[in-house]
Amino acid sequence: MEKIDRRAIKSEITKRLLFESATQLFREKGFYATTIEDIAAAAGTSVGAFYYHFCCKEDLVYTWADDLDQKYNEYYLTQMQQPMHGNALEIIHGMFYLSLDIYSRWGCAFAAVSY
């Protein structure tokens, strides 16, 4: 049973490494100029490992969008749990600043492709 857990952990680490490598390459080269081969090489894995975790480059954008949705949801739930969470405009401002922070860290490549 322990061996299966280690495999699952290693698999998750590889997936995260591929995602982070792709993110960096998209910032440097752009989404369309980055190849799957580039991503696998930057992550120190094979193209086959890429396809094990992602069906295509666009799948990375979906993963990013899921992460973004989760961050928005966490922010919203945190705001709603506070006794004096402010008015709707303050919450929207907060989400706007959260978006700016996320897009500045992830780069415009994801924003351009996702929209």
N, C-alpha and C. Protein backbone atom coordinates (compact mmCIF):
# COMPACT_ATOMS: atom_id res chain seq x y z
N MET A 1 0.81 -1.20 0.00
CA MET A 1 0.00 0.00 0.00
C MET A 1 0.86 1.26 0.00
N GLU A 2 1.96 1.22 0.74
CA GLU A 2 2.85 2.38 0.83
C GLU A 2 3.45 2.72 -0.53
N LYS A 3 3.75 1.71 -1.34
CA LYS A 3 4.33 1.92 -2.66
C LYS A 3 3.37 2.71 -3.56
N ILE A 4 2.10 2.40 -3.48
CA ILE A 4 1.10 3.11 -4.27
C ILE A 4 1.04 4.57 -3.85
N ASP A 5 1.12 4.85 -2.57
CA ASP A 5 1.09 6.22 -2.10
C ASP A 5 2.29 7.01 -2.61
N ARG A 6 3.47 6.39 -2.59
CA ARG A 6 4.67 7.06 -3.09
C ARG A 6 4.56 7.34 -4.59
N ARG A 7 3.99 6.39 -5.32
CA ARG A 7 3.80 6.60 -6.75
C ARG A 7 2.84 7.77 -7.01
N ALA A 8 1.78 7.80 -6.26
CA ALA A 8 0.80 8.88 -6.42
C ALA A 8 1.44 10.23 -6.10
N ILE A 9 2.24 10.27 -5.07
CA ILE A 9 2.91 11.51 -4.69
C ILE A 9 3.89 11.93 -5.78
N LYS A 10 4.68 10.97 -6.28
CA LYS A 10 5.65 11.27 -7.34
C LYS A 10 4.92 11.75 -8.59
N SER A 11 3.80 11.13 -8.91
CA SER A 11 3.02 11.53 -10.07
C SER A 11 2.52 12.96 -9.92
N GLU A 12 2.05 13.29 -8.75
CA GLU A 12 1.54 14.64 -8.48
C GLU A 12 2.67 15.67 -8.56
N ILE A 13 3.85 15.30 -8.08
CA ILE A 13 5.01 16.19 -8.15
C ILE A 13 5.39 16.42 -9.61
N THR A 14 5.39 15.37 -10.41
CA THR A 14 5.72 15.50 -11.83
C THR A 14 4.71 16.39 -12.54
N LYS A 15 3.45 16.20 -12.24
CA LYS A 15 2.40 17.03 -12.86
C LYS A 15 2.60 18.49 -12.49
N ARG A 16 2.89 18.77 -11.23
CA ARG A 16 3.10 20.15 -10.77
C ARG A 16 4.34 20.74 -11.43
N LEU A 17 5.40 19.94 -11.56
CA LEU A 17 6.63 20.39 -12.19
C LEU A 17 6.39 20.72 -13.67
N LEU A 18 5.65 19.90 -14.35
CA LEU A 18 5.29 20.18 -15.74
C LEU A 18 4.50 21.49 -15.84
N PHE A 19 3.55 21.65 -14.95
CA PHE A 19 2.73 22.86 -14.96
C PHE A 19 3.57 24.10 -14.70
N GLU A 20 4.43 24.05 -13.70
CA GLU A 20 5.28 25.20 -13.36
C GLU A 20 6.27 25.50 -14.48
N SER A 21 6.83 24.46 -15.10
CA SER A 21 7.75 24.67 -16.22
C SER A 21 7.02 25.31 -17.39
N ALA A 22 5.83 24.84 -17.67
CA ALA A 22 5.03 25.42 -18.76
C ALA A 22 4.72 26.89 -18.47
N THR A 23 4.36 27.18 -17.24
CA THR A 23 4.04 28.55 -16.87
C THR A 23 5.23 29.47 -17.13
N GLN A 24 6.40 29.04 -16.72
CA GLN A 24 7.60 29.84 -16.93
C GLN A 24 7.90 30.02 -18.42
N LEU A 25 7.79 28.95 -19.17
CA LEU A 25 8.03 29.03 -20.61
C LEU A 25 7.00 29.91 -21.31
N PHE A 26 5.76 29.83 -20.89
CA PHE A 26 4.74 30.68 -21.50
C PHE A 26 5.05 32.15 -21.26
N ARG A 27 5.56 32.46 -20.06
CA ARG A 27 5.96 33.84 -19.76
C ARG A 27 7.11 34.28 -20.66
N GLU A 28 8.08 33.39 -20.84
CA GLU A 28 9.29 33.73 -21.59
C GLU A 28 9.08 33.74 -23.11
N LYS A 29 8.42 32.69 -23.62
CA LYS A 29 8.31 32.51 -25.06
C LYS A 29 6.92 32.77 -25.62
N GLY A 30 5.93 32.74 -24.75
CA GLY A 30 4.55 32.83 -25.21
C GLY A 30 3.94 31.45 -25.33
N PHE A 31 2.65 31.38 -25.25
CA PHE A 31 1.94 30.10 -25.29
C PHE A 31 2.15 29.38 -26.61
N TYR A 32 1.97 30.08 -27.71
CA TYR A 32 2.00 29.44 -29.02
C TYR A 32 3.41 29.05 -29.45
N ALA A 33 4.43 29.75 -28.97
CA ALA A 33 5.82 29.43 -29.35
C ALA A 33 6.40 28.32 -28.49
N THR A 34 5.74 27.98 -27.40
CA THR A 34 6.22 26.92 -26.52
C THR A 34 5.67 25.58 -26.99
N THR A 35 6.57 24.61 -27.12
CA THR A 35 6.14 23.28 -27.55
C THR A 35 6.05 22.35 -26.33
N ILE A 36 5.36 21.26 -26.52
CA ILE A 36 5.28 20.25 -25.47
C ILE A 36 6.67 19.68 -25.18
N GLU A 37 7.48 19.57 -26.21
CA GLU A 37 8.86 19.11 -26.03
C GLU A 37 9.63 20.08 -25.12
N ASP A 38 9.42 21.39 -25.33
CA ASP A 38 10.06 22.41 -24.48
C ASP A 38 9.66 22.22 -23.02
N ILE A 39 8.38 22.00 -22.81
CA ILE A 39 7.85 21.86 -21.45
C ILE A 39 8.43 20.62 -20.78
N ALA A 40 8.43 19.51 -21.49
CA ALA A 40 8.95 18.26 -20.92
C ALA A 40 10.44 18.40 -20.60
N ALA A 41 11.20 19.02 -21.50
CA ALA A 41 12.64 19.20 -21.27
C ALA A 41 12.89 20.11 -20.06
N ALA A 42 12.14 21.19 -19.96
CA ALA A 42 12.31 22.12 -18.83
C ALA A 42 11.97 21.44 -17.51
N ALA A 43 11.02 20.52 -17.54
CA ALA A 43 10.62 19.81 -16.32
C ALA A 43 11.52 18.61 -16.03
N GLY A 44 12.38 18.27 -16.98
CA GLY A 44 13.25 17.12 -16.80
C GLY A 44 12.50 15.79 -16.91
N THR A 45 11.44 15.80 -17.71
CA THR A 45 10.64 14.59 -17.90
C THR A 45 10.54 14.30 -19.39
N SER A 46 9.78 13.30 -19.73
CA SER A 46 9.59 12.94 -21.13
C SER A 46 8.28 13.53 -21.67
N VAL A 47 8.19 13.52 -22.99
CA VAL A 47 6.94 13.95 -23.63
C VAL A 47 5.81 13.01 -23.21
N GLY A 48 6.14 11.72 -23.07
CA GLY A 48 5.13 10.76 -22.62
C GLY A 48 4.59 11.11 -21.24
N ALA A 49 5.48 11.59 -20.35
CA ALA A 49 5.02 12.01 -19.01
C ALA A 49 4.08 13.20 -19.12
N PHE A 50 4.38 14.10 -20.06
CA PHE A 50 3.47 15.23 -20.27
C PHE A 50 2.09 14.71 -20.65
N TYR A 51 2.05 13.82 -21.63
CA TYR A 51 0.75 13.32 -22.10
C TYR A 51 0.05 12.41 -21.09
N TYR A 52 0.78 11.89 -20.15
CA TYR A 52 0.15 11.13 -19.08
C TYR A 52 -0.69 12.06 -18.20
N HIS A 53 -0.18 13.27 -17.99
CA HIS A 53 -0.84 14.22 -17.09
C HIS A 53 -1.76 15.22 -17.79
N PHE A 54 -1.45 15.55 -19.03
CA PHE A 54 -2.21 16.56 -19.78
C PHE A 54 -2.45 16.04 -21.19
N CYS A 55 -3.63 16.31 -21.73
CA CYS A 55 -3.91 15.81 -23.08
C CYS A 55 -3.32 16.73 -24.15
N CYS A 56 -3.09 18.00 -23.80
CA CYS A 56 -2.56 18.97 -24.76
C CYS A 56 -2.13 20.22 -23.99
N LYS A 57 -1.55 21.18 -24.69
CA LYS A 57 -1.13 22.43 -24.01
C LYS A 57 -2.33 23.16 -23.43
N GLU A 58 -3.43 23.15 -24.13
CA GLU A 58 -4.62 23.85 -23.66
C GLU A 58 -5.09 23.31 -22.32
N ASP A 59 -4.82 22.05 -22.06
CA ASP A 59 -5.18 21.44 -20.78
C ASP A 59 -4.49 22.15 -19.61
N LEU A 60 -3.31 22.70 -19.86
CA LEU A 60 -2.61 23.48 -18.83
C LEU A 60 -3.41 24.74 -18.48
N VAL A 61 -4.03 25.33 -19.48
CA VAL A 61 -4.86 26.53 -19.26
C VAL A 61 -6.07 26.16 -18.42
N TYR A 62 -6.66 25.00 -18.68
CA TYR A 62 -7.80 24.56 -17.88
C TYR A 62 -7.39 24.33 -16.43
N THR A 63 -6.21 23.76 -16.23
CA THR A 63 -5.69 23.56 -14.87
C THR A 63 -5.51 24.90 -14.19
N TRP A 64 -4.95 25.85 -14.92
CA TRP A 64 -4.76 27.19 -14.37
C TRP A 64 -6.10 27.83 -14.03
N ALA A 65 -7.06 27.69 -14.90
CA ALA A 65 -8.39 28.27 -14.66
C ALA A 65 -9.04 27.64 -13.43
N ASP A 66 -8.87 26.34 -13.26
CA ASP A 66 -9.40 25.67 -12.06
C ASP A 66 -8.75 26.22 -10.80
N ASP A 67 -7.43 26.43 -10.83
CA ASP A 67 -6.72 27.02 -9.69
C ASP A 67 -7.25 28.42 -9.41
N LEU A 68 -7.45 29.19 -10.47
CA LEU A 68 -7.96 30.55 -10.32
C LEU A 68 -9.35 30.55 -9.70
N ASP A 69 -10.21 29.68 -10.19
CA ASP A 69 -11.57 29.58 -9.64
C ASP A 69 -11.52 29.22 -8.15
N GLN A 70 -10.62 28.33 -7.80
CA GLN A 70 -10.48 27.93 -6.39
C GLN A 70 -10.04 29.12 -5.53
N LYS A 71 -9.10 29.91 -6.04
CA LYS A 71 -8.63 31.08 -5.29
C LYS A 71 -9.76 32.10 -5.11
N TYR A 72 -10.54 32.33 -6.17
CA TYR A 72 -11.69 33.23 -6.07
C TYR A 72 -12.70 32.73 -5.04
N ASN A 73 -12.97 31.44 -5.09
CA ASN A 73 -13.92 30.85 -4.15
C ASN A 73 -13.42 30.97 -2.71
N GLU A 74 -12.14 30.69 -2.49
CA GLU A 74 -11.56 30.83 -1.15
C GLU A 74 -11.67 32.27 -0.65
N TYR A 75 -11.36 33.22 -1.53
CA TYR A 75 -11.46 34.64 -1.16
C TYR A 75 -12.90 34.99 -0.78
N TYR A 76 -13.84 34.57 -1.62
CA TYR A 76 -15.25 34.88 -1.37
C TYR A 76 -15.72 34.27 -0.05
N LEU A 77 -15.39 33.01 0.17
CA LEU A 77 -15.82 32.35 1.41
C LEU A 77 -15.19 33.00 2.64
N THR A 78 -13.93 33.40 2.52
CA THR A 78 -13.27 34.10 3.63
C THR A 78 -13.98 35.41 3.93
N GLN A 79 -14.34 36.14 2.89
CA GLN A 79 -15.03 37.43 3.07
C GLN A 79 -16.40 37.23 3.72
N MET A 80 -17.09 36.19 3.31
CA MET A 80 -18.44 35.95 3.83
C MET A 80 -18.42 35.47 5.29
N GLN A 81 -17.31 34.88 5.73
CA GLN A 81 -17.23 34.37 7.10
C GLN A 81 -16.87 35.47 8.11
N GLN A 82 -16.41 36.60 7.62
CA GLN A 82 -16.06 37.69 8.52
C GLN A 82 -17.33 38.40 8.97
N PRO A 83 -17.40 38.73 10.27
CA PRO A 83 -18.62 39.36 10.79
C PRO A 83 -18.99 40.64 10.05
N MET A 84 -18.03 41.48 9.78
CA MET A 84 -18.29 42.73 9.06
C MET A 84 -17.54 42.66 7.74
N HIS A 85 -18.10 41.90 6.80
CA HIS A 85 -17.38 41.64 5.55
C HIS A 85 -17.42 42.79 4.56
N GLY A 86 -18.05 43.88 4.89
CA GLY A 86 -18.09 45.03 3.99
C GLY A 86 -19.21 44.90 2.99
N ASN A 87 -19.29 45.90 2.15
CA ASN A 87 -20.36 45.88 1.15
C ASN A 87 -19.89 45.16 -0.11
N ALA A 88 -20.80 44.99 -1.03
CA ALA A 88 -20.52 44.23 -2.24
C ALA A 88 -19.40 44.88 -3.06
N LEU A 89 -19.38 46.20 -3.10
CA LEU A 89 -18.35 46.89 -3.87
C LEU A 89 -16.95 46.62 -3.31
N GLU A 90 -16.82 46.59 -1.99
CA GLU A 90 -15.53 46.28 -1.37
C GLU A 90 -15.09 44.85 -1.71
N ILE A 91 -16.02 43.94 -1.73
CA ILE A 91 -15.70 42.55 -2.07
C ILE A 91 -15.27 42.46 -3.53
N ILE A 92 -15.95 43.17 -4.41
CA ILE A 92 -15.58 43.18 -5.82
C ILE A 92 -14.19 43.80 -6.00
N HIS A 93 -13.93 44.89 -5.29
CA HIS A 93 -12.58 45.49 -5.35
C HIS A 93 -11.53 44.47 -4.91
N GLY A 94 -11.82 43.76 -3.84
CA GLY A 94 -10.89 42.74 -3.35
C GLY A 94 -10.63 41.67 -4.39
N MET A 95 -11.68 41.23 -5.08
CA MET A 95 -11.52 40.21 -6.13
C MET A 95 -10.72 40.77 -7.30
N PHE A 96 -10.92 42.05 -7.59
CA PHE A 96 -10.16 42.70 -8.66
C PHE A 96 -8.67 42.71 -8.32
N TYR A 97 -8.35 43.09 -7.10
CA TYR A 97 -6.94 43.10 -6.69
C TYR A 97 -6.36 41.69 -6.62
N LEU A 98 -7.17 40.73 -6.24
CA LEU A 98 -6.73 39.34 -6.27
C LEU A 98 -6.41 38.93 -7.70
N SER A 99 -7.26 39.31 -8.64
CA SER A 99 -7.01 39.02 -10.06
C SER A 99 -5.71 39.64 -10.54
N LEU A 100 -5.48 40.90 -10.19
CA LEU A 100 -4.25 41.57 -10.60
C LEU A 100 -3.03 40.84 -10.05
N ASP A 101 -3.11 40.43 -8.80
CA ASP A 101 -2.00 39.72 -8.18
C ASP A 101 -1.75 38.39 -8.91
N ILE A 102 -2.81 37.67 -9.18
CA ILE A 102 -2.67 36.36 -9.83
C ILE A 102 -2.13 36.53 -11.25
N TYR A 103 -2.70 37.45 -12.01
CA TYR A 103 -2.24 37.64 -13.39
C TYR A 103 -0.81 38.15 -13.44
N SER A 104 -0.39 38.95 -12.47
CA SER A 104 0.99 39.42 -12.48
C SER A 104 1.96 38.28 -12.19
N ARG A 105 1.53 37.32 -11.37
CA ARG A 105 2.39 36.17 -11.09
C ARG A 105 2.37 35.14 -12.21
N TRP A 106 1.22 34.89 -12.80
CA TRP A 106 1.11 33.85 -13.82
C TRP A 106 1.48 34.37 -15.20
N GLY A 107 1.38 35.65 -15.40
CA GLY A 107 1.75 36.22 -16.69
C GLY A 107 0.54 36.38 -17.60
N CYS A 108 0.71 37.25 -18.56
CA CYS A 108 -0.41 37.55 -19.46
C CYS A 108 -0.66 36.43 -20.46
N ALA A 109 0.30 35.51 -20.62
CA ALA A 109 0.10 34.43 -21.59
C ALA A 109 -1.12 33.60 -21.24
N PHE A 110 -1.28 33.29 -19.96
CA PHE A 110 -2.45 32.51 -19.55
C PHE A 110 -3.73 33.30 -19.73
N ALA A 111 -3.66 34.58 -19.39
CA ALA A 111 -4.86 35.41 -19.55
C ALA A 111 -5.27 35.51 -21.01
N ALA A 112 -4.30 35.72 -21.89
CA ALA A 112 -4.61 35.86 -23.31
C ALA A 112 -5.19 34.59 -23.88
N VAL A 113 -4.64 33.45 -23.50
CA VAL A 113 -5.12 32.17 -24.04
C VAL A 113 -6.45 31.79 -23.41
N SER A 114 -6.60 32.07 -22.12
CA SER A 114 -7.83 31.65 -21.43
C SER A 114 -9.04 32.48 -21.84
N TYR A 115 -8.81 33.70 -22.27
CA TYR A 115 -9.92 34.53 -22.68
C TYR A 115 -10.06 34.54 -24.19
